[in-house]
């Protein structure tokens, strides 16, 4: 995503982007994050399974995840498992063997599956990598037995790791020995809007119409009409972070005629989601006459927002289409 970051920053510095006015509020207290993972050595390779989520979402499905881990088995030197009823297994990509999605809430909980040759860097190194993602201090060999426990009832060795911490873990798994990504070559001229637009791919819902000349500050602009009225969908990037999550939630609520939320209420006003390979938040603000559905990928240097605004009936009717395009948005040639 580094090349996208560079292009968006250059585009913003060239004056092609326009930062919306942001009002400041006290940021909400971050939720406690939980990571439930498994390490499974089979056939000269090591498999890593990980599902990170706010603790209040992961706690109720812990037993379901452990039951899935118990289906692990070695067949002809390969690891096999059984997908539970109601779960969806998606094909892998350059970094993942597979992704499994489950849970009653939308967005679904996401369990990543990664395979490394050999020991994948060792149990302790990977445990401390996961702990670091959660904002926890590393541990030593003496603590390993307490941190990674063998799961009873599985047909092969499955070591379970169950961690809680203050930080949201990163979305994408990384190999322990993978070399650092080289910095992109410096550009002498700021990219045009068409340059940036050309870096994205997505699946546009058939009923959505794209405006090839979006308003200033927007990368993409779509509209959709149905019986409830017209809704506008935009993708924009703002430099300097674009405000905190609390800033944006309350700004969107004010735009649809809703009261601002206090810090304790803001904690439950956004759901974690992955967007264009980055951690993001899904926010809904449904007012009497207007509604907003937004995905916010916040970054200190720039933030990306996918936003739909329109009559409540239209926004709610188009929610499925909005979630689908959010899941298909990616950089060309880049996968999570």
C-alpha atoms as a PDB file:
ATOM      1  CA  UNK A   1       0.000   0.000   0.000  1.00  0.00           C
ATOM      2  CA  UNK A   2       3.077   2.192   0.171  1.00  0.00           C
ATOM      3  CA  UNK A   3       2.824   3.360  -3.464  1.00  0.00           C
ATOM      4  CA  UNK A   4      -0.808   4.353  -2.897  1.00  0.00           C
ATOM      5  CA  UNK A   5       0.215   6.322   0.187  1.00  0.00           C
ATOM      6  CA  UNK A   6       2.856   8.210  -1.797  1.00  0.00           C
ATOM      7  CA  UNK A   7       0.468   9.042  -4.634  1.00  0.00           C
ATOM      8  CA  UNK A   8      -2.312  10.200  -2.350  1.00  0.00           C
ATOM      9  CA  UNK A   9       0.055  12.416  -0.381  1.00  0.00           C
ATOM     10  CA  UNK A  10       1.411  13.958  -3.582  1.00  0.00           C
ATOM     11  CA  UNK A  11      -2.095  14.451  -4.910  1.00  0.00           C
ATOM     12  CA  UNK A  12      -3.173  16.171  -1.702  1.00  0.00           C
ATOM     13  CA  UNK A  13      -0.050  18.357  -1.599  1.00  0.00           C
ATOM     14  CA  UNK A  14      -0.738  19.453  -5.180  1.00  0.00           C
ATOM     15  CA  UNK A  15      -4.085  20.871  -4.098  1.00  0.00           C
ATOM     16  CA  UNK A  16      -6.290  18.274  -5.822  1.00  0.00           C
ATOM     17  CA  UNK A  17      -7.753  17.121  -2.505  1.00  0.00           C
ATOM     18  CA  UNK A  18      -9.851  19.194  -0.151  1.00  0.00           C
ATOM     19  CA  UNK A  19     -10.028  18.417   3.558  1.00  0.00           C
ATOM     20  CA  UNK A  20     -13.473  18.601   5.079  1.00  0.00           C
ATOM     21  CA  UNK A  21     -13.968  20.709   8.158  1.00  0.00           C
ATOM     22  CA  UNK A  22     -13.580  18.504  11.213  1.00  0.00           C
ATOM     23  CA  UNK A  23     -14.886  19.324  14.651  1.00  0.00           C
ATOM     24  CA  UNK A  24     -12.960  17.943  17.573  1.00  0.00           C
ATOM     25  CA  UNK A  25     -14.316  15.738  20.299  1.00  0.00           C
ATOM     26  CA  UNK A  26     -12.804  13.703  23.056  1.00  0.00           C
ATOM     27  CA  UNK A  27     -11.792  10.335  21.578  1.00  0.00           C
ATOM     28  CA  UNK A  28     -13.551   7.262  22.954  1.00  0.00           C
ATOM     29  CA  UNK A  29     -11.753   4.707  25.076  1.00  0.00           C
ATOM     30  CA  UNK A  30     -10.417   1.939  22.853  1.00  0.00           C
ATOM     31  CA  UNK A  31     -11.958  -1.508  23.251  1.00  0.00           C
ATOM     32  CA  UNK A  32     -10.019  -4.454  24.630  1.00  0.00           C
ATOM     33  CA  UNK A  33      -8.767  -6.528  21.706  1.00  0.00           C
ATOM     34  CA  UNK A  34      -8.529 -10.299  21.707  1.00  0.00           C
ATOM     35  CA  UNK A  35      -6.631 -12.630  19.422  1.00  0.00           C
ATOM     36  CA  UNK A  36      -7.420 -16.341  19.284  1.00  0.00           C
ATOM     37  CA  UNK A  37      -4.900 -18.275  17.251  1.00  0.00           C
ATOM     38  CA  UNK A  38      -3.526 -21.735  16.557  1.00  0.00           C
ATOM     39  CA  UNK A  39      -0.149 -23.016  15.419  1.00  0.00           C
ATOM     40  CA  UNK A  40      -0.146 -26.403  13.658  1.00  0.00           C
ATOM     41  CA  UNK A  41       3.086 -28.088  12.436  1.00  0.00           C
ATOM     42  CA  UNK A  42       2.380 -30.614   9.627  1.00  0.00           C
ATOM     43  CA  UNK A  43       4.470 -32.100   6.825  1.00  0.00           C
ATOM     44  CA  UNK A  44       7.567 -29.936   7.179  1.00  0.00           C
ATOM     45  CA  UNK A  45       5.543 -26.707   7.345  1.00  0.00           C
ATOM     46  CA  UNK A  46       3.812 -24.687  10.048  1.00  0.00           C
ATOM     47  CA  UNK A  47       0.270 -23.344   9.719  1.00  0.00           C
ATOM     48  CA  UNK A  48      -0.902 -20.253  11.558  1.00  0.00           C
ATOM     49  CA  UNK A  49      -4.589 -19.524  12.209  1.00  0.00           C
ATOM     50  CA  UNK A  50      -5.587 -16.174  13.692  1.00  0.00           C
ATOM     51  CA  UNK A  51      -8.815 -14.318  14.388  1.00  0.00           C
ATOM     52  CA  UNK A  52      -8.437 -10.851  15.975  1.00  0.00           C
ATOM     53  CA  UNK A  53     -11.479  -8.864  17.122  1.00  0.00           C
ATOM     54  CA  UNK A  54     -12.784  -6.717  19.974  1.00  0.00           C
ATOM     55  CA  UNK A  55     -13.065  -8.985  22.994  1.00  0.00           C
ATOM     56  CA  UNK A  56     -16.813  -8.474  23.335  1.00  0.00           C
ATOM     57  CA  UNK A  57     -17.294  -9.883  19.813  1.00  0.00           C
ATOM     58  CA  UNK A  58     -14.833 -12.765  20.104  1.00  0.00           C
ATOM     59  CA  UNK A  59     -15.747 -13.930  23.617  1.00  0.00           C
ATOM     60  CA  UNK A  60     -19.141 -15.463  22.646  1.00  0.00           C
ATOM     61  CA  UNK A  61     -17.651 -17.520  19.763  1.00  0.00           C
ATOM     62  CA  UNK A  62     -14.494 -18.786  21.492  1.00  0.00           C
ATOM     63  CA  UNK A  63     -15.842 -22.332  21.843  1.00  0.00           C
ATOM     64  CA  UNK A  64     -16.929 -22.333  18.187  1.00  0.00           C
ATOM     65  CA  UNK A  65     -13.406 -21.368  17.074  1.00  0.00           C
ATOM     66  CA  UNK A  66     -11.827 -24.023  19.303  1.00  0.00           C
ATOM     67  CA  UNK A  67     -14.216 -26.623  17.861  1.00  0.00           C
ATOM     68  CA  UNK A  68     -12.984 -25.635  14.404  1.00  0.00           C
ATOM     69  CA  UNK A  69      -9.371 -26.031  15.541  1.00  0.00           C
ATOM     70  CA  UNK A  70     -10.233 -29.574  16.724  1.00  0.00           C
ATOM     71  CA  UNK A  71     -11.124 -30.560  13.134  1.00  0.00           C
ATOM     72  CA  UNK A  72      -7.450 -30.159  12.130  1.00  0.00           C
ATOM     73  CA  UNK A  73      -5.966 -33.375  10.775  1.00  0.00           C
ATOM     74  CA  UNK A  74      -2.973 -34.462   8.721  1.00  0.00           C
ATOM     75  CA  UNK A  75      -3.749 -36.341   5.486  1.00  0.00           C
ATOM     76  CA  UNK A  76      -0.954 -37.410   3.122  1.00  0.00           C
ATOM     77  CA  UNK A  77       1.382 -34.850   4.666  1.00  0.00           C
ATOM     78  CA  UNK A  78      -1.105 -31.993   4.223  1.00  0.00           C
ATOM     79  CA  UNK A  79      -3.241 -30.192   6.786  1.00  0.00           C
ATOM     80  CA  UNK A  80      -6.990 -30.547   6.366  1.00  0.00           C
ATOM     81  CA  UNK A  81      -9.919 -29.091   8.275  1.00  0.00           C
ATOM     82  CA  UNK A  82     -13.722 -29.062   8.219  1.00  0.00           C
ATOM     83  CA  UNK A  83     -15.480 -25.732   7.704  1.00  0.00           C
ATOM     84  CA  UNK A  84     -18.273 -25.322  10.298  1.00  0.00           C
ATOM     85  CA  UNK A  85     -21.847 -24.801   9.155  1.00  0.00           C
ATOM     86  CA  UNK A  86     -22.502 -21.113   8.506  1.00  0.00           C
ATOM     87  CA  UNK A  87     -18.828 -20.292   7.924  1.00  0.00           C
ATOM     88  CA  UNK A  88     -17.560 -19.136   4.523  1.00  0.00           C
ATOM     89  CA  UNK A  89     -14.111 -20.162   3.273  1.00  0.00           C
ATOM     90  CA  UNK A  90     -12.553 -17.883   0.666  1.00  0.00           C
ATOM     91  CA  UNK A  91      -9.624 -18.735  -1.580  1.00  0.00           C
ATOM     92  CA  UNK A  92      -6.209 -17.539  -0.559  1.00  0.00           C
ATOM     93  CA  UNK A  93      -3.812 -15.109  -2.220  1.00  0.00           C
ATOM     94  CA  UNK A  94      -0.096 -14.389  -2.260  1.00  0.00           C
ATOM     95  CA  UNK A  95       0.033 -14.036   1.523  1.00  0.00           C
ATOM     96  CA  UNK A  96      -2.792 -16.262   2.791  1.00  0.00           C
ATOM     97  CA  UNK A  97      -3.716 -19.872   2.207  1.00  0.00           C
ATOM     98  CA  UNK A  98      -7.345 -19.078   2.978  1.00  0.00           C
ATOM     99  CA  UNK A  99      -9.691 -16.747   4.838  1.00  0.00           C
ATOM    100  CA  UNK A 100     -12.694 -17.958   6.817  1.00  0.00           C
ATOM    101  CA  UNK A 101     -15.530 -15.599   7.720  1.00  0.00           C
ATOM    102  CA  UNK A 102     -18.169 -16.275  10.349  1.00  0.00           C
ATOM    103  CA  UNK A 103     -20.434 -14.732  12.970  1.00  0.00           C
ATOM    104  CA  UNK A 104     -23.914 -13.257  13.098  1.00  0.00           C
ATOM    105  CA  UNK A 105     -22.840  -9.604  12.805  1.00  0.00           C
ATOM    106  CA  UNK A 106     -21.796  -7.741   9.678  1.00  0.00           C
ATOM    107  CA  UNK A 107     -18.886  -7.366   9.022  1.00  0.00           C
ATOM    108  CA  UNK A 108     -18.130 -11.017   9.747  1.00  0.00           C
ATOM    109  CA  UNK A 109     -15.309 -12.125  11.997  1.00  0.00           C
ATOM    110  CA  UNK A 110     -12.307 -13.070   9.871  1.00  0.00           C
ATOM    111  CA  UNK A 111      -9.898 -15.952  10.505  1.00  0.00           C
ATOM    112  CA  UNK A 112      -6.704 -15.885   8.433  1.00  0.00           C
ATOM    113  CA  UNK A 113      -4.778 -19.017   7.445  1.00  0.00           C
ATOM    114  CA  UNK A 114      -1.062 -18.747   6.656  1.00  0.00           C
ATOM    115  CA  UNK A 115       1.521 -21.470   5.955  1.00  0.00           C
ATOM    116  CA  UNK A 116       5.300 -21.099   6.334  1.00  0.00           C
ATOM    117  CA  UNK A 117       7.944 -23.674   5.496  1.00  0.00           C
ATOM    118  CA  UNK A 118       9.776 -25.209   8.455  1.00  0.00           C
ATOM    119  CA  UNK A 119       8.920 -23.779  11.842  1.00  0.00           C
ATOM    120  CA  UNK A 120       7.930 -20.359  10.439  1.00  0.00           C
ATOM    121  CA  UNK A 121      10.433 -18.598  12.675  1.00  0.00           C
ATOM    122  CA  UNK A 122       9.690 -20.577  15.835  1.00  0.00           C
ATOM    123  CA  UNK A 123       6.847 -20.653  18.309  1.00  0.00           C
ATOM    124  CA  UNK A 124       8.297 -18.033  20.647  1.00  0.00           C
ATOM    125  CA  UNK A 125       9.081 -15.538  17.875  1.00  0.00           C
ATOM    126  CA  UNK A 126       5.562 -15.784  16.456  1.00  0.00           C
ATOM    127  CA  UNK A 127       3.960 -15.603  19.886  1.00  0.00           C
ATOM    128  CA  UNK A 128       5.867 -12.398  20.622  1.00  0.00           C
ATOM    129  CA  UNK A 129       4.963 -11.042  17.165  1.00  0.00           C
ATOM    130  CA  UNK A 130       1.275 -11.525  18.005  1.00  0.00           C
ATOM    131  CA  UNK A 131       1.783 -10.035  21.462  1.00  0.00           C
ATOM    132  CA  UNK A 132       3.450  -7.011  19.904  1.00  0.00           C
ATOM    133  CA  UNK A 133       0.485  -6.523  17.550  1.00  0.00           C
ATOM    134  CA  UNK A 134      -1.766  -6.323  20.625  1.00  0.00           C
ATOM    135  CA  UNK A 135       0.536  -3.895  22.452  1.00  0.00           C
ATOM    136  CA  UNK A 136       1.856  -6.499  24.890  1.00  0.00           C
ATOM    137  CA  UNK A 137       5.444  -6.967  26.062  1.00  0.00           C
ATOM    138  CA  UNK A 138       7.412  -9.992  24.777  1.00  0.00           C
ATOM    139  CA  UNK A 139       7.819 -13.086  26.929  1.00  0.00           C
ATOM    140  CA  UNK A 140      10.643 -15.597  27.295  1.00  0.00           C
ATOM    141  CA  UNK A 141      10.967 -19.346  26.848  1.00  0.00           C
ATOM    142  CA  UNK A 142       9.938 -19.901  30.478  1.00  0.00           C
ATOM    143  CA  UNK A 143       6.509 -18.421  29.741  1.00  0.00           C
ATOM    144  CA  UNK A 144       5.890 -20.351  26.518  1.00  0.00           C
ATOM    145  CA  UNK A 145       4.037 -23.268  28.123  1.00  0.00           C
ATOM    146  CA  UNK A 146       1.497 -20.887  29.653  1.00  0.00           C
ATOM    147  CA  UNK A 147       1.067 -18.824  26.509  1.00  0.00           C
ATOM    148  CA  UNK A 148       0.707 -21.646  23.939  1.00  0.00           C
ATOM    149  CA  UNK A 149      -1.290 -24.658  25.105  1.00  0.00           C
ATOM    150  CA  UNK A 150      -1.863 -27.960  23.320  1.00  0.00           C
ATOM    151  CA  UNK A 151      -5.498 -28.417  22.327  1.00  0.00           C
ATOM    152  CA  UNK A 152      -7.140 -31.605  23.500  1.00  0.00           C
ATOM    153  CA  UNK A 153      -9.305 -33.559  21.075  1.00  0.00           C
ATOM    154  CA  UNK A 154      -7.530 -32.743  17.797  1.00  0.00           C
ATOM    155  CA  UNK A 155      -6.149 -35.487  15.528  1.00  0.00           C
ATOM    156  CA  UNK A 156      -2.833 -33.632  15.155  1.00  0.00           C
ATOM    157  CA  UNK A 157      -0.831 -31.279  17.367  1.00  0.00           C
ATOM    158  CA  UNK A 158      -2.608 -27.920  17.644  1.00  0.00           C
ATOM    159  CA  UNK A 159      -1.162 -25.223  19.892  1.00  0.00           C
ATOM    160  CA  UNK A 160      -3.642 -22.540  20.906  1.00  0.00           C
ATOM    161  CA  UNK A 161      -2.750 -18.944  21.762  1.00  0.00           C
ATOM    162  CA  UNK A 162      -5.373 -16.713  23.433  1.00  0.00           C
ATOM    163  CA  UNK A 163      -4.290 -13.107  24.026  1.00  0.00           C
ATOM    164  CA  UNK A 164      -5.880  -9.809  25.081  1.00  0.00           C
ATOM    165  CA  UNK A 165      -4.357  -6.357  24.687  1.00  0.00           C
ATOM    166  CA  UNK A 166      -5.060  -2.643  24.187  1.00  0.00           C
ATOM    167  CA  UNK A 167      -4.043  -2.366  20.513  1.00  0.00           C
ATOM    168  CA  UNK A 168      -5.886  -3.438  17.383  1.00  0.00           C
ATOM    169  CA  UNK A 169      -3.756  -6.041  15.555  1.00  0.00           C
ATOM    170  CA  UNK A 170      -2.765  -5.372  11.970  1.00  0.00           C
ATOM    171  CA  UNK A 171      -4.943  -6.903   9.277  1.00  0.00           C
ATOM    172  CA  UNK A 172      -2.361  -8.674   7.166  1.00  0.00           C
ATOM    173  CA  UNK A 173      -0.139 -11.599   8.226  1.00  0.00           C
ATOM    174  CA  UNK A 174       3.575 -11.256   7.606  1.00  0.00           C
ATOM    175  CA  UNK A 175       6.193 -13.973   7.271  1.00  0.00           C
ATOM    176  CA  UNK A 176       8.954 -13.832   9.873  1.00  0.00           C
ATOM    177  CA  UNK A 177      11.720 -13.973   7.279  1.00  0.00           C
ATOM    178  CA  UNK A 178      10.094 -11.891   4.542  1.00  0.00           C
ATOM    179  CA  UNK A 179      12.420  -9.082   3.352  1.00  0.00           C
ATOM    180  CA  UNK A 180      11.333  -5.508   3.784  1.00  0.00           C
ATOM    181  CA  UNK A 181       9.436  -3.960   0.888  1.00  0.00           C
ATOM    182  CA  UNK A 182      11.704  -1.591  -1.046  1.00  0.00           C
ATOM    183  CA  UNK A 183      10.793   2.052  -1.117  1.00  0.00           C
ATOM    184  CA  UNK A 184       9.195   3.154  -4.404  1.00  0.00           C
ATOM    185  CA  UNK A 185      11.263   5.454  -6.618  1.00  0.00           C
ATOM    186  CA  UNK A 186      10.748   9.153  -6.051  1.00  0.00           C
ATOM    187  CA  UNK A 187       8.344  10.927  -8.383  1.00  0.00           C
ATOM    188  CA  UNK A 188       9.245  14.293  -9.797  1.00  0.00           C
ATOM    189  CA  UNK A 189       5.683  15.321 -10.659  1.00  0.00           C
ATOM    190  CA  UNK A 190       2.516  14.969  -8.594  1.00  0.00           C
ATOM    191  CA  UNK A 191       0.165  12.292  -9.968  1.00  0.00           C
ATOM    192  CA  UNK A 192      -3.057  13.341 -11.611  1.00  0.00           C
ATOM    193  CA  UNK A 193      -6.459  12.269 -10.379  1.00  0.00           C
ATOM    194  CA  UNK A 194      -6.596   9.790 -13.263  1.00  0.00           C
ATOM    195  CA  UNK A 195      -3.268   8.310 -12.088  1.00  0.00           C
ATOM    196  CA  UNK A 196      -4.705   7.678  -8.628  1.00  0.00           C
ATOM    197  CA  UNK A 197      -8.022   6.380  -9.968  1.00  0.00           C
ATOM    198  CA  UNK A 198      -6.115   3.958 -12.176  1.00  0.00           C
ATOM    199  CA  UNK A 199      -4.484   2.385  -9.113  1.00  0.00           C
ATOM    200  CA  UNK A 200      -7.818   1.006  -7.884  1.00  0.00           C
ATOM    201  CA  UNK A 201      -9.959  -1.914  -8.973  1.00  0.00           C
ATOM    202  CA  UNK A 202     -13.464  -2.689  -7.725  1.00  0.00           C
ATOM    203  CA  UNK A 203     -16.749  -4.315  -8.690  1.00  0.00           C
ATOM    204  CA  UNK A 204     -19.368  -1.627  -9.202  1.00  0.00           C
ATOM    205  CA  UNK A 205     -22.958  -2.688  -8.439  1.00  0.00           C
ATOM    206  CA  UNK A 206     -24.936  -2.767 -11.718  1.00  0.00           C
ATOM    207  CA  UNK A 207     -27.486  -0.190 -10.545  1.00  0.00           C
ATOM    208  CA  UNK A 208     -24.823   2.345  -9.516  1.00  0.00           C
ATOM    209  CA  UNK A 209     -23.822   5.049 -11.986  1.00  0.00           C
ATOM    210  CA  UNK A 210     -20.260   6.387 -11.909  1.00  0.00           C
ATOM    211  CA  UNK A 211     -19.515  10.071 -12.408  1.00  0.00           C
ATOM    212  CA  UNK A 212     -16.275  10.156 -14.461  1.00  0.00           C
ATOM    213  CA  UNK A 213     -15.573  13.698 -13.226  1.00  0.00           C
ATOM    214  CA  UNK A 214     -16.091  13.595  -9.448  1.00  0.00           C
ATOM    215  CA  UNK A 215     -16.261  16.741  -7.345  1.00  0.00           C
ATOM    216  CA  UNK A 216     -13.076  18.237  -5.923  1.00  0.00           C
ATOM    217  CA  UNK A 217     -11.555  16.169  -3.131  1.00  0.00           C
ATOM    218  CA  UNK A 218     -13.144  12.910  -4.330  1.00  0.00           C
ATOM    219  CA  UNK A 219     -11.435  10.050  -6.135  1.00  0.00           C
ATOM    220  CA  UNK A 220     -14.619   8.227  -7.124  1.00  0.00           C
ATOM    221  CA  UNK A 221     -18.261   9.274  -7.128  1.00  0.00           C
ATOM    222  CA  UNK A 222     -21.334   7.089  -7.729  1.00  0.00           C
ATOM    223  CA  UNK A 223     -25.082   7.594  -7.532  1.00  0.00           C
ATOM    224  CA  UNK A 224     -27.995   5.171  -7.218  1.00  0.00           C
ATOM    225  CA  UNK A 225     -31.746   5.715  -7.516  1.00  0.00           C
ATOM    226  CA  UNK A 226     -34.514   3.542  -6.138  1.00  0.00           C
ATOM    227  CA  UNK A 227     -38.025   3.909  -4.772  1.00  0.00           C
ATOM    228  CA  UNK A 228     -36.701   5.610  -1.631  1.00  0.00           C
ATOM    229  CA  UNK A 229     -34.811   8.330  -3.507  1.00  0.00           C
ATOM    230  CA  UNK A 230     -31.231   9.020  -4.627  1.00  0.00           C
ATOM    231  CA  UNK A 231     -28.044   8.223  -2.709  1.00  0.00           C
ATOM    232  CA  UNK A 232     -24.517   9.504  -3.343  1.00  0.00           C
ATOM    233  CA  UNK A 233     -21.491   7.255  -2.806  1.00  0.00           C
ATOM    234  CA  UNK A 234     -17.980   8.732  -2.697  1.00  0.00           C
ATOM    235  CA  UNK A 235     -14.403   7.595  -2.146  1.00  0.00           C
ATOM    236  CA  UNK A 236     -12.114  10.344  -0.844  1.00  0.00           C
ATOM    237  CA  UNK A 237      -8.691  10.699   0.738  1.00  0.00           C
ATOM    238  CA  UNK A 238      -7.820  13.368   3.293  1.00  0.00           C
ATOM    239  CA  UNK A 239      -4.279  14.358   4.350  1.00  0.00           C
ATOM    240  CA  UNK A 240      -3.147  14.708   7.960  1.00  0.00           C
ATOM    241  CA  UNK A 241      -5.359  11.903   9.222  1.00  0.00           C
ATOM    242  CA  UNK A 242      -8.773  13.412   8.465  1.00  0.00           C
ATOM    243  CA  UNK A 243      -9.682  13.599  12.155  1.00  0.00           C
ATOM    244  CA  UNK A 244     -10.124  10.894  14.786  1.00  0.00           C
ATOM    245  CA  UNK A 245     -12.750   8.192  14.622  1.00  0.00           C
ATOM    246  CA  UNK A 246     -14.767  10.103  17.237  1.00  0.00           C
ATOM    247  CA  UNK A 247     -14.524  13.305  15.175  1.00  0.00           C
ATOM    248  CA  UNK A 248     -15.906  11.618  12.090  1.00  0.00           C
ATOM    249  CA  UNK A 249     -18.659   9.631  13.826  1.00  0.00           C
ATOM    250  CA  UNK A 250     -20.115  12.720  15.474  1.00  0.00           C
ATOM    251  CA  UNK A 251     -19.692  14.837  12.346  1.00  0.00           C
ATOM    252  CA  UNK A 252     -21.639  12.269  10.311  1.00  0.00           C
ATOM    253  CA  UNK A 253     -24.300  12.024  13.003  1.00  0.00           C
ATOM    254  CA  UNK A 254     -24.758  15.795  12.950  1.00  0.00           C
ATOM    255  CA  UNK A 255     -25.084  15.707   9.149  1.00  0.00           C
ATOM    256  CA  UNK A 256     -28.118  13.407   9.447  1.00  0.00           C
ATOM    257  CA  UNK A 257     -29.683  15.250  12.392  1.00  0.00           C
ATOM    258  CA  UNK A 258     -28.563  12.955  15.212  1.00  0.00           C
ATOM    259  CA  UNK A 259     -27.099  13.990  18.558  1.00  0.00           C
ATOM    260  CA  UNK A 260     -23.394  13.575  19.222  1.00  0.00           C
ATOM    261  CA  UNK A 261     -22.335  10.555  21.244  1.00  0.00           C
ATOM    262  CA  UNK A 262     -20.349  10.664  24.453  1.00  0.00           C
ATOM    263  CA  UNK A 263     -17.102   8.670  24.782  1.00  0.00           C
ATOM    264  CA  UNK A 264     -18.745   5.608  26.333  1.00  0.00           C
ATOM    265  CA  UNK A 265     -21.333   5.443  23.525  1.00  0.00           C
ATOM    266  CA  UNK A 266     -18.779   5.957  20.756  1.00  0.00           C
ATOM    267  CA  UNK A 267     -17.055   2.658  21.622  1.00  0.00           C
ATOM    268  CA  UNK A 268     -20.047   0.742  20.240  1.00  0.00           C
ATOM    269  CA  UNK A 269     -20.739   3.047  17.280  1.00  0.00           C
ATOM    270  CA  UNK A 270     -18.177   1.513  14.899  1.00  0.00           C
ATOM    271  CA  UNK A 271     -17.371  -2.038  13.831  1.00  0.00           C
ATOM    272  CA  UNK A 272     -13.879  -3.144  12.711  1.00  0.00           C
ATOM    273  CA  UNK A 273     -13.473  -4.054   9.041  1.00  0.00           C
ATOM    274  CA  UNK A 274     -10.636  -4.482   6.538  1.00  0.00           C
ATOM    275  CA  UNK A 275     -10.652  -2.034   3.609  1.00  0.00           C
ATOM    276  CA  UNK A 276      -8.071  -1.936   0.783  1.00  0.00           C
ATOM    277  CA  UNK A 277      -5.768  -4.082   2.903  1.00  0.00           C
ATOM    278  CA  UNK A 278      -5.877  -1.758   5.933  1.00  0.00           C
ATOM    279  CA  UNK A 279      -7.659  -1.675   9.275  1.00  0.00           C
ATOM    280  CA  UNK A 280     -10.835   0.357   9.013  1.00  0.00           C
ATOM    281  CA  UNK A 281     -14.131   1.084  10.759  1.00  0.00           C
ATOM    282  CA  UNK A 282     -17.708   0.675   9.546  1.00  0.00           C
ATOM    283  CA  UNK A 283     -20.053   3.405  10.811  1.00  0.00           C
ATOM    284  CA  UNK A 284     -23.822   3.796  10.381  1.00  0.00           C
ATOM    285  CA  UNK A 285     -25.771   6.953  11.201  1.00  0.00           C
ATOM    286  CA  UNK A 286     -29.494   6.646  10.401  1.00  0.00           C
ATOM    287  CA  UNK A 287     -31.462   9.868  10.890  1.00  0.00           C
ATOM    288  CA  UNK A 288     -35.117  10.642  10.240  1.00  0.00           C
ATOM    289  CA  UNK A 289     -34.649  12.187   6.792  1.00  0.00           C
ATOM    290  CA  UNK A 290     -31.058  11.285   5.915  1.00  0.00           C
ATOM    291  CA  UNK A 291     -28.632   8.441   6.584  1.00  0.00           C
ATOM    292  CA  UNK A 292     -24.903   7.777   6.206  1.00  0.00           C
ATOM    293  CA  UNK A 293     -23.037   4.490   5.846  1.00  0.00           C
ATOM    294  CA  UNK A 294     -19.264   4.908   5.859  1.00  0.00           C
ATOM    295  CA  UNK A 295     -16.006   2.990   5.968  1.00  0.00           C
ATOM    296  CA  UNK A 296     -13.076   4.930   7.435  1.00  0.00           C
ATOM    297  CA  UNK A 297      -9.467   3.741   7.075  1.00  0.00           C
ATOM    298  CA  UNK A 298      -7.631   6.195   9.327  1.00  0.00           C
ATOM    299  CA  UNK A 299      -3.913   6.885   9.002  1.00  0.00           C
ATOM    300  CA  UNK A 300      -1.841   9.692  10.591  1.00  0.00           C
ATOM    301  CA  UNK A 301      -0.618  10.809   7.141  1.00  0.00           C
ATOM    302  CA  UNK A 302      -3.841  10.378   5.198  1.00  0.00           C
ATOM    303  CA  UNK A 303      -7.193   8.612   5.568  1.00  0.00           C
ATOM    304  CA  UNK A 304      -9.516   7.011   3.017  1.00  0.00           C
ATOM    305  CA  UNK A 305     -13.304   7.229   3.335  1.00  0.00           C
ATOM    306  CA  UNK A 306     -15.957   5.298   1.421  1.00  0.00           C
ATOM    307  CA  UNK A 307     -19.270   6.980   2.211  1.00  0.00           C
ATOM    308  CA  UNK A 308     -22.905   6.670   1.145  1.00  0.00           C
ATOM    309  CA  UNK A 309     -25.425   9.376   2.020  1.00  0.00           C
ATOM    310  CA  UNK A 310     -29.088   9.554   1.079  1.00  0.00           C
ATOM    311  CA  UNK A 311     -32.639   8.882   2.314  1.00  0.00           C
ATOM    312  CA  UNK A 312     -32.708   6.223   5.076  1.00  0.00           C
ATOM    313  CA  UNK A 313     -34.762   3.780   2.973  1.00  0.00           C
ATOM    314  CA  UNK A 314     -32.315   3.995   0.061  1.00  0.00           C
ATOM    315  CA  UNK A 315     -29.195   3.710   2.218  1.00  0.00           C
ATOM    316  CA  UNK A 316     -30.580   0.682   4.030  1.00  0.00           C
ATOM    317  CA  UNK A 317     -31.715  -0.935   0.764  1.00  0.00           C
ATOM    318  CA  UNK A 318     -28.243  -0.385  -0.756  1.00  0.00           C
ATOM    319  CA  UNK A 319     -26.331  -1.587   2.311  1.00  0.00           C
ATOM    320  CA  UNK A 320     -25.558  -4.991   0.775  1.00  0.00           C
ATOM    321  CA  UNK A 321     -24.250  -3.416  -2.434  1.00  0.00           C
ATOM    322  CA  UNK A 322     -22.170  -0.950  -0.385  1.00  0.00           C
ATOM    323  CA  UNK A 323     -20.591  -3.764   1.655  1.00  0.00           C
ATOM    324  CA  UNK A 324     -19.801  -5.733  -1.514  1.00  0.00           C
ATOM    325  CA  UNK A 325     -18.019  -2.841  -3.229  1.00  0.00           C
ATOM    326  CA  UNK A 326     -16.152  -2.104   0.014  1.00  0.00           C
ATOM    327  CA  UNK A 327     -14.891  -5.692   0.056  1.00  0.00           C
ATOM    328  CA  UNK A 328     -13.803  -5.615  -3.607  1.00  0.00           C
ATOM    329  CA  UNK A 329     -11.985  -2.260  -3.520  1.00  0.00           C
ATOM    330  CA  UNK A 330      -8.251  -2.884  -3.793  1.00  0.00           C
ATOM    331  CA  UNK A 331      -5.108  -1.635  -5.437  1.00  0.00           C
ATOM    332  CA  UNK A 332      -4.372  -3.283  -8.762  1.00  0.00           C
ATOM    333  CA  UNK A 333      -1.782  -6.003  -8.264  1.00  0.00           C
ATOM    334  CA  UNK A 334      -2.123  -5.790  -4.460  1.00  0.00           C
ATOM    335  CA  UNK A 335      -3.781  -8.338  -2.186  1.00  0.00           C
ATOM    336  CA  UNK A 336      -4.141  -8.402   1.583  1.00  0.00           C
END
